[in-house]
Amino acid sequence: MHTMWKGTVSFGLVNIPIKLHAATENKDVKLRQLHKECQSPIKYEKVCPVCEREVEQQEIVKAYEYAKNKFVMLDEEEVAELKKENTDKSVEIVDFVKLEEIDPIYFERSYYLSPNEGGSKAYVLLRQALQDTGKIGVAKIMIRSKEQLAVIRVYQNTLVMETIHYPDEVRNTVDVPNVPEEEETVKKELDTAKMLIDQLTTEFDPGKYQDDYRNALLELIEERKNQDQVATAKDKKKPDNVTNLMDALQASLDKANKGTGKGTGKGKTTKKKTTTSKKKASTNNKTKKNA
């Protein structure tokens, strides 16, 4: 199992060297977008709508939009310094509470904790203490540039850390539209609803639930593969170096000719006009003399 973070868990004077592992994985079937004409994957570019050109990574800066099209620019070094100050690779348990006191709406993501070198004894101590007291630990940790609130509990003989939302990240229920106020229910209807709940009540077995859409989509994909209904993206046409060289030489020649007037026809035209004027003048003089 991949280790994504190393540090310590501390409560009181006890420090436990631990490793952090993702406890869950996203198994969504990811579909790519292709150009229908040539079956090539669509490329997304970072483009400035004002300059109308692609922007390189070194040209991009971070900012906070405090109002519509109003930004506070942030220096990368300042942000990095703030991260450094808050990233001490430690999980400090600040409180112990009962699990049932935390509503599931607060829970975000789960991570397994395993003991690092020399941490087994303290790991077992915390696990046993949590099991015996029926409590969970509330802690703070810095993960991926964000300070997270978390709880540590025991799950199947393993310590699990669950990141949870801060209170201001959970929206207020009073803002939910069209929620009906308390209304008197018909007793017969309520009794029927309770009876239905009783009939469908069982012990929770996670193995009985499956993602039917994902399974059906994977079956369809496998069926298309077996029927050879596949597409192969075409390789991007590589530029011809010889052609590019000729284009560059021609462009250089055209640029040089513009400076001298060659190749434009302007110099020759002027010369022709001058010669023609001289011929006309000479003819007129001869005509006058003969007259």
C-alpha atoms as a PDB file:
ATOM      1  CA  MET A   1       0.000   0.000   0.000  1.00  0.00           C
ATOM      2  CA  HIS A   2       1.419   3.367  -1.049  1.00  0.00           C
ATOM      3  CA  THR A   3       2.678   5.649   1.751  1.00  0.00           C
ATOM      4  CA  MET A   4       1.485   9.190   1.105  1.00  0.00           C
ATOM      5  CA  TRP A   5       2.665  10.899   4.303  1.00  0.00           C
ATOM      6  CA  LYS A   6       5.041  10.243   7.187  1.00  0.00           C
ATOM      7  CA  GLY A   7       5.010  11.916  10.589  1.00  0.00           C
ATOM      8  CA  THR A   8       3.895  11.418  14.159  1.00  0.00           C
ATOM      9  CA  VAL A   9       0.663  11.205  16.127  1.00  0.00           C
ATOM     10  CA  SER A  10       0.931  12.739  19.577  1.00  0.00           C
ATOM     11  CA  PHE A  11      -1.357  12.822  22.604  1.00  0.00           C
ATOM     12  CA  GLY A  12       0.031  14.164  25.845  1.00  0.00           C
ATOM     13  CA  LEU A  13       3.663  13.067  26.043  1.00  0.00           C
ATOM     14  CA  VAL A  14       3.179  10.048  23.769  1.00  0.00           C
ATOM     15  CA  ASN A  15       4.528  10.294  20.188  1.00  0.00           C
ATOM     16  CA  ILE A  16       3.784   7.597  17.624  1.00  0.00           C
ATOM     17  CA  PRO A  17       5.794   7.508  14.368  1.00  0.00           C
ATOM     18  CA  ILE A  18       3.229   6.680  11.680  1.00  0.00           C
ATOM     19  CA  LYS A  19       2.676   6.337   7.950  1.00  0.00           C
ATOM     20  CA  LEU A  20      -0.482   7.507   6.199  1.00  0.00           C
ATOM     21  CA  HIS A  21      -2.206   5.438   3.494  1.00  0.00           C
ATOM     22  CA  ALA A  22      -5.361   6.237   1.508  1.00  0.00           C
ATOM     23  CA  ALA A  23      -8.109   3.965   2.849  1.00  0.00           C
ATOM     24  CA  THR A  24     -10.417   4.386  -0.140  1.00  0.00           C
ATOM     25  CA  GLU A  25     -10.013   4.645  -3.900  1.00  0.00           C
ATOM     26  CA  ASN A  26     -12.119   6.181  -6.628  1.00  0.00           C
ATOM     27  CA  LYS A  27     -13.225   3.507  -9.083  1.00  0.00           C
ATOM     28  CA  ASP A  28     -15.221   5.761 -11.379  1.00  0.00           C
ATOM     29  CA  VAL A  29     -14.816   4.834 -15.049  1.00  0.00           C
ATOM     30  CA  LYS A  30     -12.999   7.808 -16.551  1.00  0.00           C
ATOM     31  CA  LEU A  31     -13.974   8.568 -20.143  1.00  0.00           C
ATOM     32  CA  ARG A  32     -11.742  10.634 -22.440  1.00  0.00           C
ATOM     33  CA  GLN A  33     -12.978  13.122 -25.043  1.00  0.00           C
ATOM     34  CA  LEU A  34     -11.836  12.484 -28.626  1.00  0.00           C
ATOM     35  CA  HIS A  35     -12.076  14.493 -31.824  1.00  0.00           C
ATOM     36  CA  LYS A  36     -14.757  12.599 -33.743  1.00  0.00           C
ATOM     37  CA  GLU A  37     -13.020  13.182 -37.095  1.00  0.00           C
ATOM     38  CA  CYS A  38      -9.610  11.666 -36.267  1.00  0.00           C
ATOM     39  CA  GLN A  39     -10.180   9.993 -32.854  1.00  0.00           C
ATOM     40  CA  SER A  40      -7.408  12.031 -31.221  1.00  0.00           C
ATOM     41  CA  PRO A  41      -7.667  13.065 -27.541  1.00  0.00           C
ATOM     42  CA  ILE A  42      -8.752  16.674 -27.060  1.00  0.00           C
ATOM     43  CA  LYS A  43      -6.018  18.865 -25.600  1.00  0.00           C
ATOM     44  CA  TYR A  44      -6.859  21.570 -23.075  1.00  0.00           C
ATOM     45  CA  GLU A  45      -4.653  24.635 -23.081  1.00  0.00           C
ATOM     46  CA  LYS A  46      -4.322  27.573 -20.698  1.00  0.00           C
ATOM     47  CA  VAL A  47      -5.297  30.574 -22.811  1.00  0.00           C
ATOM     48  CA  CYS A  48      -5.528  34.234 -21.832  1.00  0.00           C
ATOM     49  CA  PRO A  49      -8.825  35.610 -23.222  1.00  0.00           C
ATOM     50  CA  VAL A  50      -7.418  39.150 -23.455  1.00  0.00           C
ATOM     51  CA  CYS A  51      -4.038  38.400 -25.047  1.00  0.00           C
ATOM     52  CA  GLU A  52      -5.639  35.600 -27.111  1.00  0.00           C
ATOM     53  CA  ARG A  53      -2.670  33.266 -26.776  1.00  0.00           C
ATOM     54  CA  GLU A  54      -1.559  30.230 -24.780  1.00  0.00           C
ATOM     55  CA  VAL A  55       0.077  31.129 -21.472  1.00  0.00           C
ATOM     56  CA  GLU A  56       3.222  29.367 -20.249  1.00  0.00           C
ATOM     57  CA  GLN A  57       3.437  28.087 -16.664  1.00  0.00           C
ATOM     58  CA  GLN A  58       6.071  30.678 -15.691  1.00  0.00           C
ATOM     59  CA  GLU A  59       3.666  33.462 -16.704  1.00  0.00           C
ATOM     60  CA  ILE A  60       0.966  32.336 -14.249  1.00  0.00           C
ATOM     61  CA  VAL A  61       0.616  33.828 -10.772  1.00  0.00           C
ATOM     62  CA  LYS A  62      -1.810  33.047  -7.941  1.00  0.00           C
ATOM     63  CA  ALA A  63      -4.481  35.461  -6.767  1.00  0.00           C
ATOM     64  CA  TYR A  64      -7.624  35.573  -4.628  1.00  0.00           C
ATOM     65  CA  GLU A  65     -10.828  36.921  -6.217  1.00  0.00           C
ATOM     66  CA  TYR A  66     -12.451  38.949  -3.427  1.00  0.00           C
ATOM     67  CA  ALA A  67     -15.064  40.476  -5.776  1.00  0.00           C
ATOM     68  CA  LYS A  68     -16.102  40.050  -9.406  1.00  0.00           C
ATOM     69  CA  ASN A  69     -12.891  40.582 -11.466  1.00  0.00           C
ATOM     70  CA  LYS A  70     -11.119  42.055  -8.408  1.00  0.00           C
ATOM     71  CA  PHE A  71      -8.034  40.137  -7.272  1.00  0.00           C
ATOM     72  CA  VAL A  72      -5.397  40.192  -4.558  1.00  0.00           C
ATOM     73  CA  MET A  73      -2.088  39.013  -6.016  1.00  0.00           C
ATOM     74  CA  LEU A  74      -0.158  36.516  -3.890  1.00  0.00           C
ATOM     75  CA  ASP A  75       3.580  35.944  -3.990  1.00  0.00           C
ATOM     76  CA  GLU A  76       4.582  32.285  -4.385  1.00  0.00           C
ATOM     77  CA  GLU A  77       7.339  32.686  -1.781  1.00  0.00           C
ATOM     78  CA  GLU A  78       4.921  34.121   0.794  1.00  0.00           C
ATOM     79  CA  VAL A  79       2.463  31.258   0.258  1.00  0.00           C
ATOM     80  CA  ALA A  80       5.287  28.705   0.468  1.00  0.00           C
ATOM     81  CA  GLU A  81       6.473  30.252   3.745  1.00  0.00           C
ATOM     82  CA  LEU A  82       2.991  29.975   5.236  1.00  0.00           C
ATOM     83  CA  LYS A  83       2.855  26.309   4.212  1.00  0.00           C
ATOM     84  CA  LYS A  84       6.243  25.688   5.790  1.00  0.00           C
ATOM     85  CA  GLU A  85       5.166  27.252   9.086  1.00  0.00           C
ATOM     86  CA  ASN A  86       2.091  25.011   9.285  1.00  0.00           C
ATOM     87  CA  THR A  87       3.652  21.768   8.052  1.00  0.00           C
ATOM     88  CA  ASP A  88       5.492  20.169  10.934  1.00  0.00           C
ATOM     89  CA  LYS A  89       4.618  16.572   9.999  1.00  0.00           C
ATOM     90  CA  SER A  90       2.748  15.929  13.227  1.00  0.00           C
ATOM     91  CA  VAL A  91      -0.840  15.064  14.122  1.00  0.00           C
ATOM     92  CA  GLU A  92      -1.667  16.427  17.552  1.00  0.00           C
ATOM     93  CA  ILE A  93      -4.733  14.993  19.242  1.00  0.00           C
ATOM     94  CA  VAL A  94      -6.289  17.914  21.120  1.00  0.00           C
ATOM     95  CA  ASP A  95      -9.544  16.329  22.380  1.00  0.00           C
ATOM     96  CA  PHE A  96     -11.251  12.977  22.859  1.00  0.00           C
ATOM     97  CA  VAL A  97     -14.986  12.673  22.106  1.00  0.00           C
ATOM     98  CA  LYS A  98     -17.610  10.050  21.360  1.00  0.00           C
ATOM     99  CA  LEU A  99     -18.061   9.063  17.708  1.00  0.00           C
ATOM    100  CA  GLU A 100     -21.844   9.423  17.842  1.00  0.00           C
ATOM    101  CA  GLU A 101     -21.440  13.100  18.751  1.00  0.00           C
ATOM    102  CA  ILE A 102     -20.190  13.876  15.228  1.00  0.00           C
ATOM    103  CA  ASP A 103     -22.803  13.948  12.472  1.00  0.00           C
ATOM    104  CA  PRO A 104     -21.771  12.036   9.299  1.00  0.00           C
ATOM    105  CA  ILE A 105     -22.120  15.254   7.250  1.00  0.00           C
ATOM    106  CA  TYR A 106     -18.760  16.350   8.673  1.00  0.00           C
ATOM    107  CA  PHE A 107     -16.797  13.330   7.429  1.00  0.00           C
ATOM    108  CA  GLU A 108     -14.725  13.756   4.298  1.00  0.00           C
ATOM    109  CA  ARG A 109     -12.051  11.104   3.571  1.00  0.00           C
ATOM    110  CA  SER A 110     -10.495   8.112   5.333  1.00  0.00           C
ATOM    111  CA  TYR A 111      -6.815   7.198   5.784  1.00  0.00           C
ATOM    112  CA  TYR A 112      -5.220   4.155   7.378  1.00  0.00           C
ATOM    113  CA  LEU A 113      -2.455   4.761   9.914  1.00  0.00           C
ATOM    114  CA  SER A 114       0.373   2.252  10.224  1.00  0.00           C
ATOM    115  CA  PRO A 115       3.266   2.447  12.714  1.00  0.00           C
ATOM    116  CA  ASN A 116       6.621   3.624  11.376  1.00  0.00           C
ATOM    117  CA  GLU A 117       9.919   2.285  12.740  1.00  0.00           C
ATOM    118  CA  GLY A 118       9.871   2.128  16.530  1.00  0.00           C
ATOM    119  CA  GLY A 119       6.192   3.073  16.762  1.00  0.00           C
ATOM    120  CA  SER A 120       4.497  -0.313  17.224  1.00  0.00           C
ATOM    121  CA  LYS A 121       4.288  -0.246  21.030  1.00  0.00           C
ATOM    122  CA  ALA A 122       2.823   3.278  21.214  1.00  0.00           C
ATOM    123  CA  TYR A 123       0.483   2.429  18.278  1.00  0.00           C
ATOM    124  CA  VAL A 124      -0.953  -0.547  20.189  1.00  0.00           C
ATOM    125  CA  LEU A 125      -1.245   1.596  23.338  1.00  0.00           C
ATOM    126  CA  LEU A 126      -3.390   4.235  21.606  1.00  0.00           C
ATOM    127  CA  ARG A 127      -5.493   1.608  19.837  1.00  0.00           C
ATOM    128  CA  GLN A 128      -6.251  -0.245  23.062  1.00  0.00           C
ATOM    129  CA  ALA A 129      -7.006   2.978  24.947  1.00  0.00           C
ATOM    130  CA  LEU A 130      -9.493   4.093  22.284  1.00  0.00           C
ATOM    131  CA  GLN A 131     -11.181   0.685  22.247  1.00  0.00           C
ATOM    132  CA  ASP A 132     -11.510   0.507  26.019  1.00  0.00           C
ATOM    133  CA  THR A 133     -12.886   4.038  26.431  1.00  0.00           C
ATOM    134  CA  GLY A 134     -15.093   4.027  23.323  1.00  0.00           C
ATOM    135  CA  LYS A 135     -13.670   7.441  22.373  1.00  0.00           C
ATOM    136  CA  ILE A 136     -12.106   8.935  19.252  1.00  0.00           C
ATOM    137  CA  GLY A 137      -9.377  11.577  19.072  1.00  0.00           C
ATOM    138  CA  VAL A 138      -9.882  14.995  17.455  1.00  0.00           C
ATOM    139  CA  ALA A 139      -6.717  16.294  15.782  1.00  0.00           C
ATOM    140  CA  LYS A 140      -5.277  18.670  13.167  1.00  0.00           C
ATOM    141  CA  ILE A 141      -3.035  17.764  10.241  1.00  0.00           C
ATOM    142  CA  MET A 142      -1.644  19.519   7.142  1.00  0.00           C
ATOM    143  CA  ILE A 143      -2.384  17.548   3.940  1.00  0.00           C
ATOM    144  CA  ARG A 144      -1.787  18.851   0.418  1.00  0.00           C
ATOM    145  CA  SER A 145      -1.385  22.484   1.467  1.00  0.00           C
ATOM    146  CA  LYS A 146      -4.585  22.471   3.528  1.00  0.00           C
ATOM    147  CA  GLU A 147      -4.888  22.309   7.295  1.00  0.00           C
ATOM    148  CA  GLN A 148      -7.411  19.584   7.986  1.00  0.00           C
ATOM    149  CA  LEU A 149      -9.495  18.799  11.025  1.00  0.00           C
ATOM    150  CA  ALA A 150      -9.481  15.045  11.639  1.00  0.00           C
ATOM    151  CA  VAL A 151     -10.546  12.301  13.997  1.00  0.00           C
ATOM    152  CA  ILE A 152      -8.619   9.145  14.855  1.00  0.00           C
ATOM    153  CA  ARG A 153     -10.539   5.960  15.647  1.00  0.00           C
ATOM    154  CA  VAL A 154     -10.186   2.199  15.499  1.00  0.00           C
ATOM    155  CA  TYR A 155     -11.490   0.238  12.505  1.00  0.00           C
ATOM    156  CA  GLN A 156     -10.956  -3.546  12.360  1.00  0.00           C
ATOM    157  CA  ASN A 157      -7.843  -3.461  14.562  1.00  0.00           C
ATOM    158  CA  THR A 158      -6.318  -0.562  12.572  1.00  0.00           C
ATOM    159  CA  LEU A 159      -6.116   3.098  13.455  1.00  0.00           C
ATOM    160  CA  VAL A 160      -8.016   5.195  10.942  1.00  0.00           C
ATOM    161  CA  MET A 161      -7.820   8.937  10.480  1.00  0.00           C
ATOM    162  CA  GLU A 162     -10.923  10.593   9.034  1.00  0.00           C
ATOM    163  CA  THR A 163     -10.581  14.150   7.768  1.00  0.00           C
ATOM    164  CA  ILE A 164     -13.663  16.173   8.646  1.00  0.00           C
ATOM    165  CA  HIS A 165     -15.024  19.527   7.537  1.00  0.00           C
ATOM    166  CA  TYR A 166     -14.709  22.625   9.668  1.00  0.00           C
ATOM    167  CA  PRO A 167     -18.069  23.953  10.906  1.00  0.00           C
ATOM    168  CA  ASP A 168     -17.959  26.938   8.514  1.00  0.00           C
ATOM    169  CA  GLU A 169     -17.561  24.509   5.578  1.00  0.00           C
ATOM    170  CA  VAL A 170     -20.921  22.863   6.308  1.00  0.00           C
ATOM    171  CA  ARG A 171     -23.740  24.961   4.896  1.00  0.00           C
ATOM    172  CA  ASN A 172     -26.615  25.989   7.129  1.00  0.00           C
ATOM    173  CA  THR A 173     -29.810  23.977   6.683  1.00  0.00           C
ATOM    174  CA  VAL A 174     -31.917  27.152   6.916  1.00  0.00           C
ATOM    175  CA  ASP A 175     -30.547  28.094   3.481  1.00  0.00           C
ATOM    176  CA  VAL A 176     -32.027  24.981   1.866  1.00  0.00           C
ATOM    177  CA  PRO A 177     -35.043  26.111  -0.225  1.00  0.00           C
ATOM    178  CA  ASN A 178     -38.581  24.713  -0.039  1.00  0.00           C
ATOM    179  CA  VAL A 179     -38.110  22.630   3.112  1.00  0.00           C
ATOM    180  CA  PRO A 180     -41.642  22.148   4.572  1.00  0.00           C
ATOM    181  CA  GLU A 181     -42.386  23.166   8.130  1.00  0.00           C
ATOM    182  CA  GLU A 182     -43.827  20.723  10.681  1.00  0.00           C
ATOM    183  CA  GLU A 183     -47.115  19.351   9.397  1.00  0.00           C
ATOM    184  CA  GLU A 184     -49.547  16.951  10.965  1.00  0.00           C
ATOM    185  CA  THR A 185     -49.322  13.518   9.387  1.00  0.00           C
ATOM    186  CA  VAL A 186     -52.133  11.013   8.927  1.00  0.00           C
ATOM    187  CA  LYS A 187     -51.703   8.236  11.516  1.00  0.00           C
ATOM    188  CA  LYS A 188     -52.541   5.440   9.062  1.00  0.00           C
ATOM    189  CA  GLU A 189     -49.964   6.688   6.556  1.00  0.00           C
ATOM    190  CA  LEU A 190     -47.323   7.015   9.273  1.00  0.00           C
ATOM    191  CA  ASP A 191     -48.010   3.505  10.575  1.00  0.00           C
ATOM    192  CA  THR A 192     -47.679   2.118   7.036  1.00  0.00           C
ATOM    193  CA  ALA A 193     -44.353   3.925   6.538  1.00  0.00           C
ATOM    194  CA  LYS A 194     -43.032   2.559   9.845  1.00  0.00           C
ATOM    195  CA  MET A 195     -44.144  -0.970   8.882  1.00  0.00           C
ATOM    196  CA  LEU A 196     -42.279  -0.696   5.577  1.00  0.00           C
ATOM    197  CA  ILE A 197     -39.126   0.452   7.388  1.00  0.00           C
ATOM    198  CA  ASP A 198     -39.382  -2.493   9.779  1.00  0.00           C
ATOM    199  CA  GLN A 199     -39.727  -4.938   6.858  1.00  0.00           C
ATOM    200  CA  LEU A 200     -36.638  -3.527   5.120  1.00  0.00           C
ATOM    201  CA  THR A 201     -34.516  -3.269   8.276  1.00  0.00           C
ATOM    202  CA  THR A 202     -31.429  -5.518   8.265  1.00  0.00           C
ATOM    203  CA  GLU A 203     -27.807  -5.571   9.396  1.00  0.00           C
ATOM    204  CA  PHE A 204     -25.517  -3.444   7.278  1.00  0.00           C
ATOM    205  CA  ASP A 205     -23.500  -5.615   4.885  1.00  0.00           C
ATOM    206  CA  PRO A 206     -21.419  -3.413   2.541  1.00  0.00           C
ATOM    207  CA  GLY A 207     -20.637  -6.384   0.289  1.00  0.00           C
ATOM    208  CA  LYS A 208     -24.242  -6.582  -0.965  1.00  0.00           C
ATOM    209  CA  TYR A 209     -24.118  -3.117  -2.548  1.00  0.00           C
ATOM    210  CA  GLN A 210     -22.557  -2.581  -5.972  1.00  0.00           C
ATOM    211  CA  ASP A 211     -22.231   0.237  -8.486  1.00  0.00           C
ATOM    212  CA  ASP A 212     -24.614  -1.107 -11.155  1.00  0.00           C
ATOM    213  CA  TYR A 213     -23.899   1.722 -13.599  1.00  0.00           C
ATOM    214  CA  ARG A 214     -20.118   1.240 -13.408  1.00  0.00           C
ATOM    215  CA  ASN A 215     -20.431  -2.535 -13.872  1.00  0.00           C
ATOM    216  CA  ALA A 216     -22.737  -2.099 -16.874  1.00  0.00           C
ATOM    217  CA  LEU A 217     -20.406   0.493 -18.417  1.00  0.00           C
ATOM    218  CA  LEU A 218     -17.368  -1.773 -18.000  1.00  0.00           C
ATOM    219  CA  GLU A 219     -19.297  -4.665 -19.585  1.00  0.00           C
ATOM    220  CA  LEU A 220     -20.198  -2.445 -22.560  1.00  0.00           C
ATOM    221  CA  ILE A 221     -16.559  -1.358 -22.963  1.00  0.00           C
ATOM    222  CA  GLU A 222     -15.329  -4.965 -22.816  1.00  0.00           C
ATOM    223  CA  GLU A 223     -17.962  -6.011 -25.361  1.00  0.00           C
ATOM    224  CA  ARG A 224     -16.850  -3.282 -27.789  1.00  0.00           C
ATOM    225  CA  LYS A 225     -13.203  -4.339 -27.342  1.00  0.00           C
ATOM    226  CA  ASN A 226     -14.040  -7.974 -28.114  1.00  0.00           C
ATOM    227  CA  GLN A 227     -15.939  -6.882 -31.234  1.00  0.00           C
ATOM    228  CA  ASP A 228     -12.902  -4.830 -32.306  1.00  0.00           C
ATOM    229  CA  GLN A 229     -14.946  -1.630 -32.199  1.00  0.00           C
ATOM    230  CA  VAL A 230     -11.990   0.465 -31.150  1.00  0.00           C
ATOM    231  CA  ALA A 231     -10.348   3.670 -32.313  1.00  0.00           C
ATOM    232  CA  THR A 232      -6.652   4.474 -32.543  1.00  0.00           C
ATOM    233  CA  ALA A 233      -5.486   8.044 -32.204  1.00  0.00           C
ATOM    234  CA  LYS A 234      -3.449   9.312 -35.137  1.00  0.00           C
ATOM    235  CA  ASP A 235       0.086  10.485 -34.516  1.00  0.00           C
ATOM    236  CA  LYS A 236       0.582  14.204 -34.731  1.00  0.00           C
ATOM    237  CA  LYS A 237       2.177  15.126 -38.048  1.00  0.00           C
ATOM    238  CA  LYS A 238       5.802  16.016 -37.442  1.00  0.00           C
ATOM    239  CA  PRO A 239       7.065  19.152 -39.178  1.00  0.00           C
ATOM    240  CA  ASP A 240       9.388  18.638 -42.140  1.00  0.00           C
ATOM    241  CA  ASN A 241      12.747  20.215 -41.264  1.00  0.00           C
ATOM    242  CA  VAL A 242      13.637  20.692 -44.938  1.00  0.00           C
ATOM    243  CA  THR A 243      10.357  22.486 -45.629  1.00  0.00           C
ATOM    244  CA  ASN A 244      10.800  24.619 -42.542  1.00  0.00           C
ATOM    245  CA  LEU A 245      14.327  25.547 -43.656  1.00  0.00           C
ATOM    246  CA  MET A 246      13.127  26.557 -47.130  1.00  0.00           C
ATOM    247  CA  ASP A 247      10.319  28.618 -45.601  1.00  0.00           C
ATOM    248  CA  ALA A 248      12.791  30.341 -43.306  1.00  0.00           C
ATOM    249  CA  LEU A 249      15.178  31.085 -46.173  1.00  0.00           C
ATOM    250  CA  GLN A 250      12.363  32.422 -48.343  1.00  0.00           C
ATOM    251  CA  ALA A 251      11.095  34.613 -45.501  1.00  0.00           C
ATOM    252  CA  SER A 252      14.620  35.979 -44.958  1.00  0.00           C
ATOM    253  CA  LEU A 253      15.001  36.655 -48.696  1.00  0.00           C
ATOM    254  CA  ASP A 254      11.649  38.464 -48.848  1.00  0.00           C
ATOM    255  CA  LYS A 255      12.610  40.569 -45.859  1.00  0.00           C
ATOM    256  CA  ALA A 256      15.944  41.515 -47.422  1.00  0.00           C
ATOM    257  CA  ASN A 257      14.268  42.399 -50.742  1.00  0.00           C
ATOM    258  CA  LYS A 258      11.836  44.714 -49.003  1.00  0.00           C
ATOM    259  CA  GLY A 259      14.746  46.778 -47.740  1.00  0.00           C
ATOM    260  CA  THR A 260      16.342  47.142 -51.172  1.00  0.00           C
ATOM    261  CA  GLY A 261      13.173  47.324 -53.220  1.00  0.00           C
ATOM    262  CA  LYS A 262      14.139  44.182 -55.125  1.00  0.00           C
ATOM    263  CA  GLY A 263      11.518  41.631 -55.850  1.00  0.00           C
ATOM    264  CA  THR A 264       8.712  44.116 -55.380  1.00  0.00           C
ATOM    265  CA  GLY A 265       8.737  45.488 -58.928  1.00  0.00           C
ATOM    266  CA  LYS A 266       8.855  49.090 -57.666  1.00  0.00           C
ATOM    267  CA  GLY A 267      12.453  49.799 -58.739  1.00  0.00           C
ATOM    268  CA  LYS A 268      11.980  48.432 -62.239  1.00  0.00           C
ATOM    269  CA  THR A 269       8.747  50.313 -62.780  1.00  0.00           C
ATOM    270  CA  THR A 270      10.372  53.611 -61.815  1.00  0.00           C
ATOM    271  CA  LYS A 271      13.248  52.974 -64.192  1.00  0.00           C
ATOM    272  CA  LYS A 272      10.892  52.136 -67.049  1.00  0.00           C
ATOM    273  CA  LYS A 273       8.873  55.248 -66.390  1.00  0.00           C
ATOM    274  CA  THR A 274      12.024  57.409 -66.425  1.00  0.00           C
ATOM    275  CA  THR A 275      13.287  55.860 -69.674  1.00  0.00           C
ATOM    276  CA  THR A 276       9.904  56.282 -71.316  1.00  0.00           C
ATOM    277  CA  SER A 277       9.780  59.940 -70.281  1.00  0.00           C
ATOM    278  CA  LYS A 278      13.226  60.550 -71.773  1.00  0.00           C
ATOM    279  CA  LYS A 279      12.192  58.910 -75.046  1.00  0.00           C
ATOM    280  CA  LYS A 280       9.052  61.052 -75.225  1.00  0.00           C
ATOM    281  CA  ALA A 281      11.063  64.214 -74.556  1.00  0.00           C
ATOM    282  CA  SER A 282      13.607  63.321 -77.267  1.00  0.00           C
ATOM    283  CA  THR A 283      10.847  62.651 -79.818  1.00  0.00           C
ATOM    284  CA  ASN A 284       9.182  65.979 -79.068  1.00  0.00           C
ATOM    285  CA  ASN A 285      12.469  67.854 -79.514  1.00  0.00           C
ATOM    286  CA  LYS A 286      13.073  66.232 -82.900  1.00  0.00           C
ATOM    287  CA  THR A 287       9.546  67.128 -84.026  1.00  0.00           C
ATOM    288  CA  LYS A 288      10.100  70.791 -83.075  1.00  0.00           C
ATOM    289  CA  LYS A 289      13.385  70.973 -84.980  1.00  0.00           C
ATOM    290  CA  ASN A 290      11.859  69.497 -88.121  1.00  0.00           C
ATOM    291  CA  ALA A 291       9.024  71.988 -87.876  1.00  0.00           C
END
